[in-house]
PDB file of N, CA and C in Angstrom:
ATOM      1  N   MET A   1      -9.798  -1.690  13.839  1.00  0.00           N
ATOM      2  CA  MET A   1      -8.496  -1.580  13.202  1.00  0.00           C
ATOM      3  C   MET A   1      -7.390  -1.413  14.233  1.00  0.00           C
ATOM      4  N   SER A   2      -7.632  -0.700  15.322  1.00  0.00           N
ATOM      5  CA  SER A   2      -6.565  -0.426  16.273  1.00  0.00           C
ATOM      6  C   SER A   2      -6.042  -1.700  16.935  1.00  0.00           C
ATOM      7  N   ARG A   3      -6.932  -2.641  17.213  1.00  0.00           N
ATOM      8  CA  ARG A   3      -6.483  -3.911  17.795  1.00  0.00           C
ATOM      9  C   ARG A   3      -5.614  -4.663  16.797  1.00  0.00           C
ATOM     10  N   GLU A   4      -5.964  -4.581  15.525  1.00  0.00           N
ATOM     11  CA  GLU A   4      -5.157  -5.233  14.490  1.00  0.00           C
ATOM     12  C   GLU A   4      -3.752  -4.641  14.428  1.00  0.00           C
ATOM     13  N   VAL A   5      -3.630  -3.336  14.641  1.00  0.00           N
ATOM     14  CA  VAL A   5      -2.320  -2.692  14.634  1.00  0.00           C
ATOM     15  C   VAL A   5      -1.451  -3.279  15.744  1.00  0.00           C
ATOM     16  N   LEU A   6      -2.016  -3.408  16.927  1.00  0.00           N
ATOM     17  CA  LEU A   6      -1.260  -3.953  18.055  1.00  0.00           C
ATOM     18  C   LEU A   6      -0.871  -5.409  17.809  1.00  0.00           C
ATOM     19  N   LEU A   7      -1.787  -6.189  17.243  1.00  0.00           N
ATOM     20  CA  LEU A   7      -1.468  -7.581  16.928  1.00  0.00           C
ATOM     21  C   LEU A   7      -0.358  -7.677  15.877  1.00  0.00           C
ATOM     22  N   LEU A   8      -0.431  -6.814  14.870  1.00  0.00           N
ATOM     23  CA  LEU A   8       0.595  -6.785  13.830  1.00  0.00           C
ATOM     24  C   LEU A   8       1.955  -6.437  14.421  1.00  0.00           C
ATOM     25  N   VAL A   9       2.001  -5.419  15.265  1.00  0.00           N
ATOM     26  CA  VAL A   9       3.264  -5.007  15.879  1.00  0.00           C
ATOM     27  C   VAL A   9       3.854  -6.150  16.702  1.00  0.00           C
ATOM     28  N   ASP A  10       3.024  -6.775  17.526  1.00  0.00           N
ATOM     29  CA  ASP A  10       3.510  -7.889  18.349  1.00  0.00           C
ATOM     30  C   ASP A  10       4.032  -9.037  17.485  1.00  0.00           C
ATOM     31  N   ALA A  11       3.284  -9.395  16.442  1.00  0.00           N
ATOM     32  CA  ALA A  11       3.687 -10.508  15.576  1.00  0.00           C
ATOM     33  C   ALA A  11       5.002 -10.204  14.860  1.00  0.00           C
ATOM     34  N   LEU A  12       5.134  -9.000  14.315  1.00  0.00           N
ATOM     35  CA  LEU A  12       6.363  -8.646  13.607  1.00  0.00           C
ATOM     36  C   LEU A  12       7.555  -8.573  14.554  1.00  0.00           C
ATOM     37  N   ALA A  13       7.343  -8.035  15.733  1.00  0.00           N
ATOM     38  CA  ALA A  13       8.435  -7.941  16.707  1.00  0.00           C
ATOM     39  C   ALA A  13       8.945  -9.336  17.075  1.00  0.00           C
ATOM     40  N   ARG A  14       8.012 -10.266  17.284  1.00  0.00           N
ATOM     41  CA  ARG A  14       8.423 -11.638  17.613  1.00  0.00           C
ATOM     42  C   ARG A  14       9.107 -12.312  16.421  1.00  0.00           C
ATOM     43  N   GLU A  15       8.482 -12.188  15.237  1.00  0.00           N
ATOM     44  CA  GLU A  15       9.003 -12.860  14.053  1.00  0.00           C
ATOM     45  C   GLU A  15      10.397 -12.367  13.673  1.00  0.00           C
ATOM     46  N   LYS A  16      10.610 -11.067  13.749  1.00  0.00           N
ATOM     47  CA  LYS A  16      11.896 -10.479  13.346  1.00  0.00           C
ATOM     48  C   LYS A  16      12.864 -10.307  14.514  1.00  0.00           C
ATOM     49  N   ASN A  17      12.401 -10.653  15.718  1.00  0.00           N
ATOM     50  CA  ASN A  17      13.225 -10.553  16.919  1.00  0.00           C
ATOM     51  C   ASN A  17      13.769  -9.129  17.119  1.00  0.00           C
ATOM     52  N   VAL A  18      12.856  -8.153  17.020  1.00  0.00           N
ATOM     53  CA  VAL A  18      13.202  -6.752  17.257  1.00  0.00           C
ATOM     54  C   VAL A  18      12.259  -6.181  18.309  1.00  0.00           C
ATOM     55  N   ALA A  19      12.642  -5.078  18.883  1.00  0.00           N
ATOM     56  CA  ALA A  19      11.813  -4.425  19.891  1.00  0.00           C
ATOM     57  C   ALA A  19      10.521  -3.899  19.266  1.00  0.00           C
ATOM     58  N   ARG A  20       9.456  -3.929  20.033  1.00  0.00           N
ATOM     59  CA  ARG A  20       8.169  -3.410  19.558  1.00  0.00           C
ATOM     60  C   ARG A  20       8.310  -1.963  19.090  1.00  0.00           C
ATOM     61  N   GLU A  21       9.133  -1.182  19.789  1.00  0.00           N
ATOM     62  CA  GLU A  21       9.295   0.235  19.439  1.00  0.00           C
ATOM     63  C   GLU A  21       9.877   0.400  18.037  1.00  0.00           C
ATOM     64  N   VAL A  22      10.741  -0.507  17.620  1.00  0.00           N
ATOM     65  CA  VAL A  22      11.295  -0.474  16.264  1.00  0.00           C
ATOM     66  C   VAL A  22      10.170  -0.694  15.247  1.00  0.00           C
ATOM     67  N   VAL A  23       9.300  -1.635  15.528  1.00  0.00           N
ATOM     68  CA  VAL A  23       8.177  -1.919  14.625  1.00  0.00           C
ATOM     69  C   VAL A  23       7.220  -0.736  14.589  1.00  0.00           C
ATOM     70  N   PHE A  24       6.918  -0.165  15.756  1.00  0.00           N
ATOM     71  CA  PHE A  24       6.053   1.018  15.793  1.00  0.00           C
ATOM     72  C   PHE A  24       6.657   2.143  14.954  1.00  0.00           C
ATOM     73  N   GLY A  25       7.948   2.381  15.088  1.00  0.00           N
ATOM     74  CA  GLY A  25       8.610   3.435  14.320  1.00  0.00           C
ATOM     75  C   GLY A  25       8.527   3.200  12.823  1.00  0.00           C
ATOM     76  N   ALA A  26       8.745   1.962  12.406  1.00  0.00           N
ATOM     77  CA  ALA A  26       8.672   1.628  10.982  1.00  0.00           C
ATOM     78  C   ALA A  26       7.248   1.801  10.447  1.00  0.00           C
ATOM     79  N   LEU A  27       6.267   1.393  11.246  1.00  0.00           N
ATOM     80  CA  LEU A  27       4.873   1.540  10.833  1.00  0.00           C
ATOM     81  C   LEU A  27       4.483   3.009  10.748  1.00  0.00           C
ATOM     82  N   GLU A  28       4.926   3.814  11.705  1.00  0.00           N
ATOM     83  CA  GLU A  28       4.652   5.254  11.652  1.00  0.00           C
ATOM     84  C   GLU A  28       5.274   5.884  10.413  1.00  0.00           C
ATOM     85  N   SER A  29       6.494   5.489  10.071  1.00  0.00           N
ATOM     86  CA  SER A  29       7.153   6.007   8.868  1.00  0.00           C
ATOM     87  C   SER A  29       6.401   5.609   7.601  1.00  0.00           C
ATOM     88  N   ALA A  30       5.949   4.361   7.549  1.00  0.00           N
ATOM     89  CA  ALA A  30       5.203   3.887   6.378  1.00  0.00           C
ATOM     90  C   ALA A  30       3.884   4.639   6.226  1.00  0.00           C
ATOM     91  N   LEU A  31       3.185   4.844   7.336  1.00  0.00           N
ATOM     92  CA  LEU A  31       1.925   5.590   7.283  1.00  0.00           C
ATOM     93  C   LEU A  31       2.160   7.050   6.888  1.00  0.00           C
ATOM     94  N   ALA A  32       3.249   7.644   7.366  1.00  0.00           N
ATOM     95  CA  ALA A  32       3.578   9.021   6.987  1.00  0.00           C
ATOM     96  C   ALA A  32       3.856   9.106   5.487  1.00  0.00           C
ATOM     97  N   SER A  33       4.596   8.139   4.949  1.00  0.00           N
ATOM     98  CA  SER A  33       4.881   8.117   3.505  1.00  0.00           C
ATOM     99  C   SER A  33       3.598   7.983   2.691  1.00  0.00           C
ATOM    100  N   ALA A  34       2.704   7.110   3.127  1.00  0.00           N
ATOM    101  CA  ALA A  34       1.429   6.933   2.420  1.00  0.00           C
ATOM    102  C   ALA A  34       0.591   8.209   2.484  1.00  0.00           C
ATOM    103  N   THR A  35       0.606   8.886   3.609  1.00  0.00           N
ATOM    104  CA  THR A  35      -0.157  10.124   3.770  1.00  0.00           C
ATOM    105  C   THR A  35       0.415  11.222   2.879  1.00  0.00           C
ATOM    106  N   LYS A  36       1.730  11.315   2.753  1.00  0.00           N
ATOM    107  CA  LYS A  36       2.385  12.336   1.924  1.00  0.00           C
ATOM    108  C   LYS A  36       1.966  12.235   0.469  1.00  0.00           C
ATOM    109  N   LYS A  37       1.660  11.049   0.002  1.00  0.00           N
ATOM    110  CA  LYS A  37       1.331  10.840  -1.411  1.00  0.00           C
ATOM    111  C   LYS A  37       0.038  11.536  -1.830  1.00  0.00           C
ATOM    112  N   ARG A  38      -0.751  11.969  -0.854  1.00  0.00           N
ATOM    113  CA  ARG A  38      -1.986  12.677  -1.178  1.00  0.00           C
ATOM    114  C   ARG A  38      -1.756  14.138  -1.537  1.00  0.00           C
ATOM    115  N   PHE A  39      -0.534  14.619  -1.390  1.00  0.00           N
ATOM    116  CA  PHE A  39      -0.207  16.020  -1.650  1.00  0.00           C
ATOM    117  C   PHE A  39       0.640  16.144  -2.902  1.00  0.00           C
ATOM    118  N   LYS A  40       0.406  17.207  -3.656  1.00  0.00           N
ATOM    119  CA  LYS A  40       1.224  17.471  -4.841  1.00  0.00           C
ATOM    120  C   LYS A  40       2.548  18.094  -4.438  1.00  0.00           C
ATOM    121  N   GLU A  41       2.520  18.954  -3.420  1.00  0.00           N
ATOM    122  CA  GLU A  41       3.735  19.616  -2.958  1.00  0.00           C
ATOM    123  C   GLU A  41       4.441  18.762  -1.908  1.00  0.00           C
ATOM    124  N   GLU A  42       5.682  19.120  -1.635  1.00  0.00           N
ATOM    125  CA  GLU A  42       6.464  18.433  -0.599  1.00  0.00           C
ATOM    126  C   GLU A  42       5.899  18.828   0.763  1.00  0.00           C
ATOM    127  N   VAL A  43       5.599  17.857   1.592  1.00  0.00           N
ATOM    128  CA  VAL A  43       5.066  18.130   2.926  1.00  0.00           C
ATOM    129  C   VAL A  43       5.821  17.306   3.963  1.00  0.00           C
ATOM    130  N   ASP A  44       5.790  17.796   5.196  1.00  0.00           N
ATOM    131  CA  ASP A  44       6.362  17.067   6.322  1.00  0.00           C
ATOM    132  C   ASP A  44       5.187  16.474   7.087  1.00  0.00           C
ATOM    133  N   VAL A  45       5.140  15.162   7.204  1.00  0.00           N
ATOM    134  CA  VAL A  45       4.042  14.474   7.878  1.00  0.00           C
ATOM    135  C   VAL A  45       4.593  13.671   9.042  1.00  0.00           C
ATOM    136  N   ARG A  46       3.897  13.757  10.157  1.00  0.00           N
ATOM    137  CA  ARG A  46       4.240  12.960  11.334  1.00  0.00           C
ATOM    138  C   ARG A  46       3.039  12.095  11.675  1.00  0.00           C
ATOM    139  N   VAL A  47       3.264  10.827  11.933  1.00  0.00           N
ATOM    140  CA  VAL A  47       2.210   9.912  12.361  1.00  0.00           C
ATOM    141  C   VAL A  47       2.563   9.422  13.755  1.00  0.00           C
ATOM    142  N   ALA A  48       1.568   9.407  14.628  1.00  0.00           N
ATOM    143  CA  ALA A  48       1.773   8.922  15.999  1.00  0.00           C
ATOM    144  C   ALA A  48       0.785   7.795  16.266  1.00  0.00           C
ATOM    145  N   ILE A  49       1.312   6.642  16.658  1.00  0.00           N
ATOM    146  CA  ILE A  49       0.485   5.492  17.018  1.00  0.00           C
ATOM    147  C   ILE A  49       0.477   5.382  18.531  1.00  0.00           C
ATOM    148  N   ASP A  50      -0.709   5.322  19.115  1.00  0.00           N
ATOM    149  CA  ASP A  50      -0.841   5.130  20.557  1.00  0.00           C
ATOM    150  C   ASP A  50      -0.414   3.707  20.879  1.00  0.00           C
ATOM    151  N   ARG A  51       0.597   3.570  21.718  1.00  0.00           N
ATOM    152  CA  ARG A  51       1.178   2.259  22.013  1.00  0.00           C
ATOM    153  C   ARG A  51       0.252   1.366  22.830  1.00  0.00           C
ATOM    154  N   MET A  52      -0.759   1.928  23.471  1.00  0.00           N
ATOM    155  CA  MET A  52      -1.691   1.131  24.272  1.00  0.00           C
ATOM    156  C   MET A  52      -2.947   0.741  23.501  1.00  0.00           C
ATOM    157  N   SER A  53      -3.469   1.678  22.700  1.00  0.00           N
ATOM    158  CA  SER A  53      -4.740   1.417  22.017  1.00  0.00           C
ATOM    159  C   SER A  53      -4.576   1.004  20.555  1.00  0.00           C
ATOM    160  N   GLY A  54      -3.467   1.395  19.929  1.00  0.00           N
ATOM    161  CA  GLY A  54      -3.271   1.118  18.512  1.00  0.00           C
ATOM    162  C   GLY A  54      -3.881   2.183  17.614  1.00  0.00           C
ATOM    163  N   ASP A  55      -4.583   3.150  18.195  1.00  0.00           N
ATOM    164  CA  ASP A  55      -5.135   4.257  17.405  1.00  0.00           C
ATOM    165  C   ASP A  55      -3.984   5.112  16.887  1.00  0.00           C
ATOM    166  N   TYR A  56      -4.180   5.741  15.738  1.00  0.00           N
ATOM    167  CA  TYR A  56      -3.119   6.577  15.203  1.00  0.00           C
ATOM    168  C   TYR A  56      -3.671   7.860  14.613  1.00  0.00           C
ATOM    169  N   GLU A  57      -2.811   8.883  14.631  1.00  0.00           N
ATOM    170  CA  GLU A  57      -3.150  10.197  14.095  1.00  0.00           C
ATOM    171  C   GLU A  57      -2.039  10.637  13.163  1.00  0.00           C
ATOM    172  N   ALA A  58      -2.409  11.455  12.174  1.00  0.00           N
ATOM    173  CA  ALA A  58      -1.436  12.002  11.238  1.00  0.00           C
ATOM    174  C   ALA A  58      -1.493  13.522  11.309  1.00  0.00           C
ATOM    175  N   PHE A  59      -0.326  14.147  11.165  1.00  0.00           N
ATOM    176  CA  PHE A  59      -0.220  15.600  11.244  1.00  0.00           C
ATOM    177  C   PHE A  59       0.686  16.113  10.136  1.00  0.00           C
ATOM    178  N   ARG A  60       0.254  17.196   9.496  1.00  0.00           N
ATOM    179  CA  ARG A  60       1.147  17.935   8.611  1.00  0.00           C
ATOM    180  C   ARG A  60       1.839  18.957   9.492  1.00  0.00           C
ATOM    181  N   ARG A  61       3.165  19.130   9.291  1.00  0.00           N
ATOM    182  CA  ARG A  61       3.870  20.069  10.149  1.00  0.00           C
ATOM    183  C   ARG A  61       4.761  21.021   9.374  1.00  0.00           C
ATOM    184  N   TRP A  62       4.946  22.190   9.982  1.00  0.00           N
ATOM    185  CA  TRP A  62       5.813  23.225   9.458  1.00  0.00           C
ATOM    186  C   TRP A  62       6.797  23.589  10.553  1.00  0.00           C
ATOM    187  N   GLN A  63       8.081  23.651  10.217  1.00  0.00           N
ATOM    188  CA  GLN A  63       9.085  24.043  11.196  1.00  0.00           C
ATOM    189  C   GLN A  63       9.175  25.563  11.258  1.00  0.00           C
ATOM    190  N   VAL A  64       9.254  26.085  12.478  1.00  0.00           N
ATOM    191  CA  VAL A  64       9.355  27.525  12.695  1.00  0.00           C
ATOM    192  C   VAL A  64      10.802  27.957  12.430  1.00  0.00           C
ATOM    193  N   VAL A  65      10.944  28.965  11.539  1.00  0.00           N
ATOM    194  CA  VAL A  65      12.265  29.495  11.198  1.00  0.00           C
ATOM    195  C   VAL A  65      12.279  30.992  11.504  1.00  0.00           C
ATOM    196  N   PRO A  66      13.478  31.572  11.664  1.00  0.00           N
ATOM    197  CA  PRO A  66      13.544  33.015  11.926  1.00  0.00           C
ATOM    198  C   PRO A  66      12.931  33.814  10.778  1.00  0.00           C
ATOM    199  N   ASP A  67      12.385  34.982  11.108  1.00  0.00           N
ATOM    200  CA  ASP A  67      11.846  35.881  10.084  1.00  0.00           C
ATOM    201  C   ASP A  67      12.939  36.180   9.059  1.00  0.00           C
ATOM    202  N   GLY A  68      12.583  36.179   7.794  1.00  0.00           N
ATOM    203  CA  GLY A  68      13.532  36.481   6.731  1.00  0.00           C
ATOM    204  C   GLY A  68      14.357  35.280   6.284  1.00  0.00           C
ATOM    205  N   GLU A  69      14.165  34.120   6.891  1.00  0.00           N
ATOM    206  CA  GLU A  69      14.955  32.944   6.526  1.00  0.00           C
ATOM    207  C   GLU A  69      14.105  31.805   5.970  1.00  0.00           C
ATOM    208  N   LEU A  70      12.932  32.124   5.472  1.00  0.00           N
ATOM    209  CA  LEU A  70      12.047  31.114   4.893  1.00  0.00           C
ATOM    210  C   LEU A  70      12.623  30.635   3.565  1.00  0.00           C
ATOM    211  N   GLU A  71      12.873  29.331   3.481  1.00  0.00           N
ATOM    212  CA  GLU A  71      13.413  28.747   2.258  1.00  0.00           C
ATOM    213  C   GLU A  71      12.383  27.906   1.514  1.00  0.00           C
ATOM    214  N   ASP A  72      11.431  27.314   2.249  1.00  0.00           N
ATOM    215  CA  ASP A  72      10.439  26.435   1.629  1.00  0.00           C
ATOM    216  C   ASP A  72       9.123  26.563   2.377  1.00  0.00           C
ATOM    217  N   HIS A  73       8.190  27.297   1.795  1.00  0.00           N
ATOM    218  CA  HIS A  73       6.911  27.555   2.481  1.00  0.00           C
ATOM    219  C   HIS A  73       6.057  26.300   2.654  1.00  0.00           C
ATOM    220  N   ASP A  74       6.383  25.229   1.958  1.00  0.00           N
ATOM    221  CA  ASP A  74       5.625  23.985   2.115  1.00  0.00           C
ATOM    222  C   ASP A  74       5.944  23.272   3.429  1.00  0.00           C
ATOM    223  N   VAL A  75       7.141  23.504   3.972  1.00  0.00           N
ATOM    224  CA  VAL A  75       7.541  22.813   5.199  1.00  0.00           C
ATOM    225  C   VAL A  75       8.044  23.752   6.297  1.00  0.00           C
ATOM    226  N   GLN A  76       8.036  25.055   6.026  1.00  0.00           N
ATOM    227  CA  GLN A  76       8.512  26.021   7.011  1.00  0.00           C
ATOM    228  C   GLN A  76       7.510  27.157   7.174  1.00  0.00           C
ATOM    229  N   ILE A  77       7.595  27.817   8.343  1.00  0.00           N
ATOM    230  CA  ILE A  77       6.790  29.006   8.627  1.00  0.00           C
ATOM    231  C   ILE A  77       7.661  29.969   9.425  1.00  0.00           C
ATOM    232  N   ILE A  78       7.553  31.282   9.131  1.00  0.00           N
ATOM    233  CA  ILE A  78       8.374  32.239   9.867  1.00  0.00           C
ATOM    234  C   ILE A  78       7.805  32.459  11.266  1.00  0.00           C
ATOM    235  N   LEU A  79       8.668  32.855  12.167  1.00  0.00           N
ATOM    236  CA  LEU A  79       8.333  32.986  13.578  1.00  0.00           C
ATOM    237  C   LEU A  79       7.147  33.911  13.820  1.00  0.00           C
ATOM    238  N   THR A  80       7.094  35.089  13.166  1.00  0.00           N
ATOM    239  CA  THR A  80       5.986  36.020  13.429  1.00  0.00           C
ATOM    240  C   THR A  80       4.647  35.436  12.996  1.00  0.00           C
ATOM    241  N   GLU A  81       4.621  34.699  11.893  1.00  0.00           N
ATOM    242  CA  GLU A  81       3.374  34.065  11.449  1.00  0.00           C
ATOM    243  C   GLU A  81       2.983  32.928  12.384  1.00  0.00           C
ATOM    244  N   ALA A  82       3.959  32.145  12.822  1.00  0.00           N
ATOM    245  CA  ALA A  82       3.695  31.025  13.722  1.00  0.00           C
ATOM    246  C   ALA A  82       3.132  31.526  15.048  1.00  0.00           C
ATOM    247  N   ARG A  83       3.675  32.635  15.549  1.00  0.00           N
ATOM    248  CA  ARG A  83       3.222  33.166  16.842  1.00  0.00           C
ATOM    249  C   ARG A  83       1.811  33.744  16.771  1.00  0.00           C
ATOM    250  N   LYS A  84       1.286  33.989  15.587  1.00  0.00           N
ATOM    251  CA  LYS A  84      -0.122  34.392  15.459  1.00  0.00           C
ATOM    252  C   LYS A  84      -1.040  33.233  15.834  1.00  0.00           C
ATOM    253  N   GLN A  85      -0.530  31.995  15.687  1.00  0.00           N
ATOM    254  CA  GLN A  85      -1.306  30.810  16.015  1.00  0.00           C
ATOM    255  C   GLN A  85      -1.036  30.317  17.430  1.00  0.00           C
ATOM    256  N   ILE A  86       0.251  30.305  17.813  1.00  0.00           N
ATOM    257  CA  ILE A  86       0.651  29.853  19.145  1.00  0.00           C
ATOM    258  C   ILE A  86       1.709  30.840  19.643  1.00  0.00           C
ATOM    259  N   ALA A  87       1.360  31.612  20.664  1.00  0.00           N
ATOM    260  CA  ALA A  87       2.173  32.749  21.093  1.00  0.00           C
ATOM    261  C   ALA A  87       3.578  32.396  21.579  1.00  0.00           C
ATOM    262  N   ASP A  88       3.759  31.258  22.206  1.00  0.00           N
ATOM    263  CA  ASP A  88       5.056  30.973  22.827  1.00  0.00           C
ATOM    264  C   ASP A  88       5.973  30.073  22.001  1.00  0.00           C
ATOM    265  N   LEU A  89       5.744  29.982  20.705  1.00  0.00           N
ATOM    266  CA  LEU A  89       6.610  29.162  19.850  1.00  0.00           C
ATOM    267  C   LEU A  89       7.996  29.767  19.725  1.00  0.00           C
ATOM    268  N   GLN A  90       8.980  28.903  19.534  1.00  0.00           N
ATOM    269  CA  GLN A  90      10.368  29.322  19.337  1.00  0.00           C
ATOM    270  C   GLN A  90      10.870  28.773  18.004  1.00  0.00           C
ATOM    271  N   VAL A  91      11.939  29.366  17.495  1.00  0.00           N
ATOM    272  CA  VAL A  91      12.584  28.861  16.283  1.00  0.00           C
ATOM    273  C   VAL A  91      12.977  27.406  16.522  1.00  0.00           C
ATOM    274  N   GLY A  92      12.668  26.550  15.556  1.00  0.00           N
ATOM    275  CA  GLY A  92      12.955  25.126  15.667  1.00  0.00           C
ATOM    276  C   GLY A  92      11.748  24.300  16.087  1.00  0.00           C
ATOM    277  N   ASP A  93      10.731  24.948  16.679  1.00  0.00           N
ATOM    278  CA  ASP A  93       9.494  24.250  17.038  1.00  0.00           C
ATOM    279  C   ASP A  93       8.706  23.932  15.771  1.00  0.00           C
ATOM    280  N   PHE A  94       7.625  23.182  15.931  1.00  0.00           N
ATOM    281  CA  PHE A  94       6.764  22.826  14.805  1.00  0.00           C
ATOM    282  C   PHE A  94       5.329  23.242  15.086  1.00  0.00           C
ATOM    283  N   ILE A  95       4.641  23.655  14.025  1.00  0.00           N
ATOM    284  CA  ILE A  95       3.195  23.843  14.053  1.00  0.00           C
ATOM    285  C   ILE A  95       2.612  22.660  13.308  1.00  0.00           C
ATOM    286  N   GLU A  96       1.566  22.071  13.875  1.00  0.00           N
ATOM    287  CA  GLU A  96       0.978  20.888  13.256  1.00  0.00           C
ATOM    288  C   GLU A  96      -0.510  21.097  12.978  1.00  0.00           C
ATOM    289  N   GLU A  97      -0.946  20.477  11.893  1.00  0.00           N
ATOM    290  CA  GLU A  97      -2.353  20.455  11.504  1.00  0.00           C
ATOM    291  C   GLU A  97      -2.744  18.994  11.355  1.00  0.00           C
ATOM    292  N   GLU A  98      -3.816  18.600  12.047  1.00  0.00           N
ATOM    293  CA  GLU A  98      -4.222  17.195  11.982  1.00  0.00           C
ATOM    294  C   GLU A  98      -4.754  16.858  10.594  1.00  0.00           C
ATOM    295  N   LEU A  99      -4.390  15.688  10.116  1.00  0.00           N
ATOM    296  CA  LEU A  99      -4.809  15.187   8.810  1.00  0.00           C
ATOM    297  C   LEU A  99      -5.611  13.911   8.985  1.00  0.00           C
ATOM    298  N   GLU A 100      -6.349  13.572   7.965  1.00  0.00           N
ATOM    299  CA  GLU A 100      -6.987  12.259   7.909  1.00  0.00           C
ATOM    300  C   GLU A 100      -5.884  11.252   7.625  1.00  0.00           C
ATOM    301  N   PRO A 101      -5.662  10.285   8.524  1.00  0.00           N
ATOM    302  CA  PRO A 101      -4.564   9.340   8.287  1.00  0.00           C
ATOM    303  C   PRO A 101      -4.849   8.411   7.117  1.00  0.00           C
ATOM    304  N   ALA A 102      -3.788   7.906   6.520  1.00  0.00           N
ATOM    305  CA  ALA A 102      -3.921   6.940   5.429  1.00  0.00           C
ATOM    306  C   ALA A 102      -4.509   5.649   5.975  1.00  0.00           C
ATOM    307  N   GLU A 103      -5.263   4.987   5.152  1.00  0.00           N
ATOM    308  CA  GLU A 103      -5.847   3.708   5.542  1.00  0.00           C
ATOM    309  C   GLU A 103      -4.800   2.614   5.444  1.00  0.00           C
ATOM    310  N   LEU A 104      -4.842   1.693   6.380  1.00  0.00           N
ATOM    311  CA  LEU A 104      -3.886   0.591   6.385  1.00  0.00           C
ATOM    312  C   LEU A 104      -4.290  -0.543   5.460  1.00  0.00           C
ATOM    313  N   GLY A 105      -5.568  -0.703   5.222  1.00  0.00           N
ATOM    314  CA  GLY A 105      -6.025  -1.851   4.448  1.00  0.00           C
ATOM    315  C   GLY A 105      -5.977  -3.095   5.306  1.00  0.00           C
ATOM    316  N   PRO A 106      -6.172  -4.258   4.719  1.00  0.00           N
ATOM    317  CA  PRO A 106      -6.134  -5.484   5.517  1.00  0.00           C
ATOM    318  C   PRO A 106      -4.730  -5.720   6.061  1.00  0.00           C
ATOM    319  N   LEU A 107      -4.638  -5.934   7.363  1.00  0.00           N
ATOM    320  CA  LEU A 107      -3.338  -6.112   8.000  1.00  0.00           C
ATOM    321  C   LEU A 107      -2.954  -7.575   8.143  1.00  0.00           C
ATOM    322  N   VAL A 108      -3.914  -8.385   8.410  1.00  0.00           N
ATOM    323  CA  VAL A 108      -3.611  -9.780   8.699  1.00  0.00           C
ATOM    324  C   VAL A 108      -4.147 -10.637   7.562  1.00  0.00           C
ATOM    325  N   ARG A 109      -3.254 -11.388   6.949  1.00  0.00           N
ATOM    326  CA  ARG A 109      -3.683 -12.304   5.896  1.00  0.00           C
ATOM    327  C   ARG A 109      -3.719 -13.692   6.480  1.00  0.00           C
ATOM    328  N   ARG A 110      -4.773 -14.382   6.215  1.00  0.00           N
ATOM    329  CA  ARG A 110      -4.890 -15.741   6.712  1.00  0.00           C
ATOM    330  C   ARG A 110      -4.103 -16.675   5.838  1.00  0.00           C
ATOM    331  N   GLN A 111      -3.422 -17.584   6.482  1.00  0.00           N
ATOM    332  CA  GLN A 111      -2.660 -18.588   5.762  1.00  0.00           C
ATOM    333  C   GLN A 111      -3.620 -19.650   5.241  1.00  0.00           C
ATOM    334  N   PRO A 112      -3.441 -20.106   4.021  1.00  0.00           N
ATOM    335  CA  PRO A 112      -4.325 -21.166   3.505  1.00  0.00           C
ATOM    336  C   PRO A 112      -4.144 -22.431   4.313  1.00  0.00           C
ATOM    337  N   SER A 113      -5.235 -23.110   4.571  1.00  0.00           N
ATOM    338  CA  SER A 113      -5.139 -24.359   5.325  1.00  0.00           C
ATOM    339  C   SER A 113      -4.621 -25.461   4.409  1.00  0.00           C
ATOM    340  N   ARG A 114      -3.893 -26.373   4.980  1.00  0.00           N
ATOM    341  CA  ARG A 114      -3.286 -27.448   4.190  1.00  0.00           C
ATOM    342  C   ARG A 114      -4.078 -28.698   4.290  1.00  0.00           C
TER     343      ARG A 114
END
């Protein structure tokens, strides 16, 4: 699958005349949206595609907020709780948990021969 991701990115970049990084960003956003659909609550998901191998990972993340300022526990974590996991975190940083990424399905469709 990872080789197919790289081929797809190259083909779309050429076809649409945009930078590969733009295509990678759009694909990461699409995969993050697909991954979010597996949750009932609102979640913050980040997807990272390795630009050399085409492998990708998905992460659920929580933004670190000051103690007493938690507004949404689905996407935020207070500083004292976050520091129990990673001691040197600061307000504004993120804690991430790796997720099973969404499946891409078939990427390349063959054109019918004429």
